[in-house]
C-alpha cells in the first residue's frame, strides 16, 4: 500500500535507499553475478544484496536467469525498463560532478548533459 500518490514519493519507496541504485550502477557497468556485486567497494551485506535484487526482479527491472554454464548460479541483467534507471543515475552523476568536488563517474555510467 502506498503512503502517497506523489510520483516522487512512490519512486523513492522503491529506489530511494542507497543500495538499490548502487546495484543498478553495477549492472550498468557489466556485473552479472551475486559475488561480483559483493566486491563493490561500498561493501553491501549479503542479506541486503539479496533483498535488493529480489525487489528489483519483482518490479520487473532486473531479470534473473540460471547461468547456462553452472545451473547452481544465476545471472542478473537489467530489463528494458531497468535500463531506463540508467538515465536517473546519469542525472545523479551529473549533479555529483557539479556539486561534490573530488568525485568521478565510473565506466558504464553516462552523466546527463544539460
N, C-alpha and C. Protein backbone atom coordinates (compact mmCIF):
# COMPACT_ATOMS: atom_id res chain seq x y z
N UNK A 1 0.84 -1.19 0.00
CA UNK A 1 0.00 0.00 0.00
C UNK A 1 0.88 1.25 0.00
N UNK A 2 0.53 2.18 -0.84
CA UNK A 2 1.30 3.42 -0.95
C UNK A 2 0.93 4.40 0.16
N UNK A 3 1.93 5.13 0.60
CA UNK A 3 1.70 6.17 1.61
C UNK A 3 1.18 7.45 0.97
N UNK A 4 1.41 7.58 -0.35
CA UNK A 4 1.10 8.81 -1.05
C UNK A 4 0.90 8.49 -2.52
N UNK A 5 0.24 9.40 -3.25
CA UNK A 5 0.15 9.22 -4.69
C UNK A 5 1.17 10.10 -5.42
N UNK A 6 2.07 10.72 -4.67
CA UNK A 6 3.13 11.54 -5.25
C UNK A 6 4.11 10.63 -5.99
N UNK A 7 4.36 10.92 -7.26
CA UNK A 7 5.25 10.09 -8.07
C UNK A 7 6.66 10.03 -7.49
N UNK A 8 7.15 11.14 -6.95
CA UNK A 8 8.49 11.15 -6.36
C UNK A 8 8.53 10.25 -5.13
N UNK A 9 7.54 10.38 -4.26
CA UNK A 9 7.50 9.55 -3.05
C UNK A 9 7.40 8.07 -3.41
N UNK A 10 6.56 7.74 -4.37
CA UNK A 10 6.40 6.33 -4.76
C UNK A 10 7.68 5.77 -5.38
N UNK A 11 8.34 6.57 -6.22
CA UNK A 11 9.60 6.12 -6.81
C UNK A 11 10.66 5.93 -5.74
N UNK A 12 10.72 6.85 -4.79
CA UNK A 12 11.72 6.74 -3.72
C UNK A 12 11.46 5.56 -2.81
N UNK A 13 10.21 5.15 -2.68
CA UNK A 13 9.91 3.95 -1.90
C UNK A 13 10.63 2.73 -2.48
N UNK A 14 10.87 2.75 -3.78
CA UNK A 14 11.50 1.61 -4.44
C UNK A 14 12.99 1.81 -4.64
N UNK A 15 13.40 2.97 -5.12
CA UNK A 15 14.82 3.16 -5.45
C UNK A 15 15.52 4.16 -4.54
N UNK A 16 14.85 4.61 -3.48
CA UNK A 16 15.40 5.68 -2.67
C UNK A 16 16.45 5.29 -1.65
N UNK A 17 16.65 4.01 -1.42
CA UNK A 17 17.70 3.63 -0.48
C UNK A 17 19.04 3.61 -1.22
N UNK A 18 20.10 3.67 -0.49
CA UNK A 18 21.44 3.73 -1.07
C UNK A 18 21.74 2.51 -1.93
N UNK A 19 21.40 1.35 -1.50
CA UNK A 19 21.87 0.13 -2.14
C UNK A 19 21.22 -0.17 -3.48
N UNK A 20 19.95 0.14 -3.63
CA UNK A 20 19.26 -0.22 -4.87
C UNK A 20 19.93 0.42 -6.08
N UNK A 21 20.19 1.71 -6.02
CA UNK A 21 20.80 2.37 -7.17
C UNK A 21 22.26 1.96 -7.36
N UNK A 22 22.94 1.56 -6.30
CA UNK A 22 24.31 1.06 -6.47
C UNK A 22 24.30 -0.30 -7.16
N UNK A 23 23.31 -1.12 -6.89
CA UNK A 23 23.18 -2.40 -7.61
C UNK A 23 22.90 -2.11 -9.09
N UNK A 24 22.01 -1.16 -9.36
CA UNK A 24 21.74 -0.78 -10.75
C UNK A 24 23.00 -0.24 -11.41
N UNK A 25 23.75 0.58 -10.69
CA UNK A 25 25.02 1.09 -11.22
C UNK A 25 25.93 -0.06 -11.64
N UNK A 26 26.05 -1.05 -10.77
CA UNK A 26 26.94 -2.18 -11.07
C UNK A 26 26.42 -3.02 -12.24
N UNK A 27 25.10 -3.15 -12.36
CA UNK A 27 24.54 -3.84 -13.52
C UNK A 27 24.86 -3.08 -14.80
N UNK A 28 24.76 -1.76 -14.76
CA UNK A 28 25.11 -0.95 -15.93
C UNK A 28 26.58 -1.08 -16.28
N UNK A 29 27.41 -1.34 -15.29
CA UNK A 29 28.85 -1.48 -15.51
C UNK A 29 29.24 -2.90 -15.90
N UNK A 30 28.26 -3.80 -16.03
CA UNK A 30 28.54 -5.13 -16.55
C UNK A 30 28.61 -6.25 -15.53
N UNK A 31 28.39 -5.95 -14.27
CA UNK A 31 28.38 -7.03 -13.29
C UNK A 31 27.13 -7.87 -13.50
N UNK A 32 27.27 -9.19 -13.34
CA UNK A 32 26.16 -10.10 -13.62
C UNK A 32 25.92 -11.12 -12.51
N UNK A 33 26.91 -11.36 -11.66
CA UNK A 33 26.82 -12.42 -10.66
C UNK A 33 26.79 -11.83 -9.25
N UNK A 34 26.12 -12.54 -8.35
CA UNK A 34 25.97 -12.13 -6.96
C UNK A 34 27.32 -11.77 -6.34
N UNK A 35 28.31 -12.63 -6.52
CA UNK A 35 29.62 -12.38 -5.90
C UNK A 35 30.30 -11.14 -6.48
N UNK A 36 29.98 -10.79 -7.73
CA UNK A 36 30.55 -9.57 -8.30
C UNK A 36 30.00 -8.33 -7.60
N UNK A 37 28.72 -8.35 -7.27
CA UNK A 37 28.12 -7.22 -6.55
C UNK A 37 28.74 -7.09 -5.15
N UNK A 38 29.04 -8.22 -4.53
CA UNK A 38 29.62 -8.19 -3.19
C UNK A 38 31.01 -7.56 -3.17
N UNK A 39 31.70 -7.57 -4.29
CA UNK A 39 33.05 -7.00 -4.35
C UNK A 39 33.06 -5.48 -4.57
N UNK A 40 31.90 -4.86 -4.66
CA UNK A 40 31.86 -3.40 -4.82
C UNK A 40 32.51 -2.75 -3.61
N UNK A 41 33.19 -1.63 -3.80
CA UNK A 41 33.91 -1.00 -2.69
C UNK A 41 33.02 -0.52 -1.55
N UNK A 42 31.73 -0.35 -1.81
CA UNK A 42 30.83 0.13 -0.75
C UNK A 42 30.52 -0.93 0.30
N UNK A 43 30.76 -2.21 -0.01
CA UNK A 43 30.63 -3.27 0.97
C UNK A 43 29.20 -3.64 1.36
N UNK A 44 28.37 -3.95 0.40
CA UNK A 44 26.99 -4.34 0.68
C UNK A 44 26.96 -5.71 1.36
N UNK A 45 26.11 -5.87 2.35
CA UNK A 45 25.96 -7.15 3.05
C UNK A 45 25.16 -8.12 2.18
N UNK A 46 25.41 -9.41 2.35
CA UNK A 46 24.75 -10.41 1.50
C UNK A 46 23.23 -10.37 1.65
N UNK A 47 22.74 -10.18 2.87
CA UNK A 47 21.28 -10.15 3.05
C UNK A 47 20.65 -8.92 2.40
N UNK A 48 21.35 -7.80 2.45
CA UNK A 48 20.85 -6.58 1.81
C UNK A 48 20.87 -6.74 0.30
N UNK A 49 21.95 -7.29 -0.23
CA UNK A 49 22.04 -7.52 -1.67
C UNK A 49 20.93 -8.45 -2.14
N UNK A 50 20.71 -9.53 -1.42
CA UNK A 50 19.63 -10.46 -1.78
C UNK A 50 18.28 -9.75 -1.82
N UNK A 51 18.02 -8.94 -0.82
CA UNK A 51 16.74 -8.22 -0.75
C UNK A 51 16.60 -7.23 -1.90
N UNK A 52 17.66 -6.51 -2.22
CA UNK A 52 17.58 -5.51 -3.30
C UNK A 52 17.41 -6.19 -4.66
N UNK A 53 18.14 -7.27 -4.90
CA UNK A 53 17.97 -7.98 -6.17
C UNK A 53 16.56 -8.56 -6.28
N UNK A 54 16.06 -9.09 -5.19
CA UNK A 54 14.70 -9.65 -5.19
C UNK A 54 13.67 -8.55 -5.50
N UNK A 55 13.83 -7.38 -4.89
CA UNK A 55 12.90 -6.27 -5.12
C UNK A 55 12.99 -5.77 -6.56
N UNK A 56 14.20 -5.66 -7.09
CA UNK A 56 14.36 -5.21 -8.48
C UNK A 56 13.76 -6.21 -9.46
N UNK A 57 13.90 -7.49 -9.17
CA UNK A 57 13.28 -8.53 -10.01
C UNK A 57 11.76 -8.44 -9.91
N UNK A 58 11.24 -8.24 -8.71
CA UNK A 58 9.79 -8.16 -8.51
C UNK A 58 9.18 -6.98 -9.27
N UNK A 59 9.94 -5.89 -9.39
CA UNK A 59 9.47 -4.72 -10.13
C UNK A 59 9.57 -4.93 -11.65
N UNK A 60 10.30 -5.97 -12.05
CA UNK A 60 10.50 -6.20 -13.48
C UNK A 60 11.65 -5.41 -14.06
N UNK A 61 12.49 -4.84 -13.22
CA UNK A 61 13.61 -4.03 -13.69
C UNK A 61 14.88 -4.85 -13.87
N UNK A 62 14.92 -5.99 -13.22
CA UNK A 62 16.07 -6.90 -13.34
C UNK A 62 15.54 -8.29 -13.67
N UNK A 63 16.26 -8.96 -14.55
CA UNK A 63 15.91 -10.33 -14.91
C UNK A 63 16.96 -11.27 -14.34
N UNK A 64 16.49 -12.32 -13.69
CA UNK A 64 17.36 -13.33 -13.06
C UNK A 64 17.19 -14.63 -13.84
N UNK A 65 18.30 -15.16 -14.34
CA UNK A 65 18.24 -16.41 -15.10
C UNK A 65 19.36 -17.34 -14.65
N UNK A 66 19.13 -18.66 -14.72
CA UNK A 66 20.19 -19.60 -14.39
C UNK A 66 21.37 -19.43 -15.35
N UNK A 67 22.56 -19.53 -14.82
CA UNK A 67 23.77 -19.45 -15.64
C UNK A 67 23.86 -20.72 -16.48
N UNK A 68 23.95 -20.59 -17.81
CA UNK A 68 23.99 -21.78 -18.66
C UNK A 68 25.19 -22.70 -18.36
N UNK A 69 26.29 -22.12 -17.87
CA UNK A 69 27.48 -22.93 -17.61
C UNK A 69 27.47 -23.56 -16.22
N UNK A 70 26.60 -23.08 -15.33
CA UNK A 70 26.51 -23.62 -13.97
C UNK A 70 25.11 -23.33 -13.43
N UNK A 71 24.24 -24.30 -13.51
CA UNK A 71 22.84 -24.11 -13.15
C UNK A 71 22.63 -23.78 -11.66
N UNK A 72 23.67 -23.88 -10.85
CA UNK A 72 23.56 -23.51 -9.44
C UNK A 72 23.70 -22.00 -9.24
N UNK A 73 24.20 -21.32 -10.27
CA UNK A 73 24.40 -19.87 -10.20
C UNK A 73 23.35 -19.17 -11.05
N UNK A 74 23.14 -17.91 -10.73
CA UNK A 74 22.22 -17.09 -11.51
C UNK A 74 22.95 -15.88 -12.06
N UNK A 75 22.47 -15.41 -13.19
CA UNK A 75 22.96 -14.15 -13.73
C UNK A 75 21.83 -13.13 -13.62
N UNK A 76 22.22 -11.89 -13.50
CA UNK A 76 21.27 -10.78 -13.39
C UNK A 76 21.57 -9.80 -14.50
N UNK A 77 20.51 -9.24 -15.08
CA UNK A 77 20.69 -8.19 -16.08
C UNK A 77 19.49 -7.25 -16.00
N UNK A 78 19.71 -6.02 -16.40
CA UNK A 78 18.63 -5.05 -16.41
C UNK A 78 17.68 -5.34 -17.57
N UNK A 79 16.40 -5.25 -17.30
CA UNK A 79 15.39 -5.33 -18.35
C UNK A 79 15.38 -4.00 -19.10
N UNK A 80 14.58 -3.91 -20.14
CA UNK A 80 14.47 -2.63 -20.86
C UNK A 80 14.01 -1.52 -19.93
N UNK A 81 13.02 -1.81 -19.08
CA UNK A 81 12.57 -0.80 -18.12
C UNK A 81 13.67 -0.48 -17.11
N UNK A 82 14.42 -1.49 -16.70
CA UNK A 82 15.52 -1.28 -15.77
C UNK A 82 16.61 -0.41 -16.35
N UNK A 83 16.85 -0.56 -17.65
CA UNK A 83 17.87 0.27 -18.31
C UNK A 83 17.53 1.75 -18.21
N UNK A 84 16.26 2.06 -18.13
CA UNK A 84 15.85 3.47 -18.00
C UNK A 84 16.31 4.07 -16.67
N UNK A 85 16.56 3.22 -15.69
CA UNK A 85 17.12 3.73 -14.43
C UNK A 85 18.52 4.31 -14.65
N UNK A 86 19.18 3.89 -15.74
CA UNK A 86 20.47 4.46 -16.08
C UNK A 86 20.39 5.95 -16.35
N UNK A 87 19.26 6.39 -16.89
CA UNK A 87 19.06 7.83 -17.11
C UNK A 87 19.03 8.57 -15.78
N UNK A 88 18.36 7.98 -14.80
CA UNK A 88 18.31 8.57 -13.46
C UNK A 88 19.72 8.64 -12.87
N UNK A 89 20.48 7.57 -13.01
CA UNK A 89 21.85 7.57 -12.49
C UNK A 89 22.71 8.60 -13.21
N UNK A 90 22.46 8.79 -14.51
CA UNK A 90 23.18 9.82 -15.25
C UNK A 90 22.91 11.21 -14.70
N UNK A 91 21.66 11.47 -14.33
CA UNK A 91 21.31 12.76 -13.72
C UNK A 91 21.98 12.91 -12.36
N UNK A 92 21.98 11.85 -11.57
CA UNK A 92 22.62 11.89 -10.25
C UNK A 92 24.13 12.10 -10.42
N UNK A 93 24.73 11.40 -11.39
CA UNK A 93 26.17 11.55 -11.63
C UNK A 93 26.51 12.98 -12.04
N UNK A 94 25.72 13.56 -12.93
CA UNK A 94 25.97 14.94 -13.36
C UNK A 94 25.88 15.90 -12.18
N UNK A 95 24.89 15.69 -11.32
CA UNK A 95 24.74 16.53 -10.14
C UNK A 95 25.96 16.37 -9.23
N UNK A 96 26.38 15.12 -9.01
CA UNK A 96 27.53 14.87 -8.15
C UNK A 96 28.80 15.51 -8.68
N UNK A 97 29.01 15.43 -10.00
CA UNK A 97 30.20 16.05 -10.59
C UNK A 97 30.19 17.57 -10.39
N UNK A 98 29.01 18.16 -10.48
CA UNK A 98 28.91 19.61 -10.37
C UNK A 98 29.04 20.10 -8.93
N UNK A 99 28.43 19.38 -8.00
CA UNK A 99 28.32 19.90 -6.63
C UNK A 99 29.17 19.19 -5.58
N UNK A 100 29.80 18.08 -5.94
CA UNK A 100 30.60 17.33 -4.97
C UNK A 100 32.04 17.23 -5.47
N UNK A 101 32.87 18.19 -5.09
CA UNK A 101 34.26 18.19 -5.56
C UNK A 101 34.97 16.88 -5.24
N UNK A 102 35.84 16.47 -6.16
CA UNK A 102 36.63 15.26 -5.95
C UNK A 102 35.92 13.98 -6.34
N UNK A 103 34.73 14.09 -6.93
CA UNK A 103 34.02 12.89 -7.36
C UNK A 103 34.31 12.61 -8.82
N UNK A 104 34.03 11.38 -9.22
CA UNK A 104 34.23 10.99 -10.62
C UNK A 104 33.10 10.04 -11.00
N UNK A 105 32.97 9.85 -12.30
CA UNK A 105 31.94 8.94 -12.81
C UNK A 105 32.64 7.66 -13.24
N UNK A 106 32.13 6.53 -12.80
CA UNK A 106 32.71 5.24 -13.15
C UNK A 106 32.30 4.83 -14.56
N UNK A 107 33.11 3.99 -15.18
CA UNK A 107 32.78 3.47 -16.50
C UNK A 107 31.39 2.87 -16.50
N UNK A 108 30.68 3.04 -17.59
CA UNK A 108 29.35 2.46 -17.73
C UNK A 108 28.22 3.40 -17.35
N UNK A 109 28.55 4.51 -16.70
CA UNK A 109 27.55 5.50 -16.31
C UNK A 109 27.76 6.73 -17.18
N UNK A 110 26.70 7.19 -17.80
CA UNK A 110 26.78 8.36 -18.68
C UNK A 110 26.12 9.55 -17.99
N UNK A 111 26.93 10.52 -17.53
CA UNK A 111 26.33 11.69 -16.89
C UNK A 111 25.43 12.43 -17.87
N UNK A 112 24.33 12.94 -17.37
CA UNK A 112 23.40 13.70 -18.21
C UNK A 112 24.08 14.97 -18.70
N UNK A 113 23.80 15.34 -19.92
CA UNK A 113 24.34 16.57 -20.49
C UNK A 113 23.24 17.63 -20.43
N UNK A 114 23.45 18.65 -19.69
CA UNK A 114 22.44 19.71 -19.55
C UNK A 114 23.05 21.04 -19.92
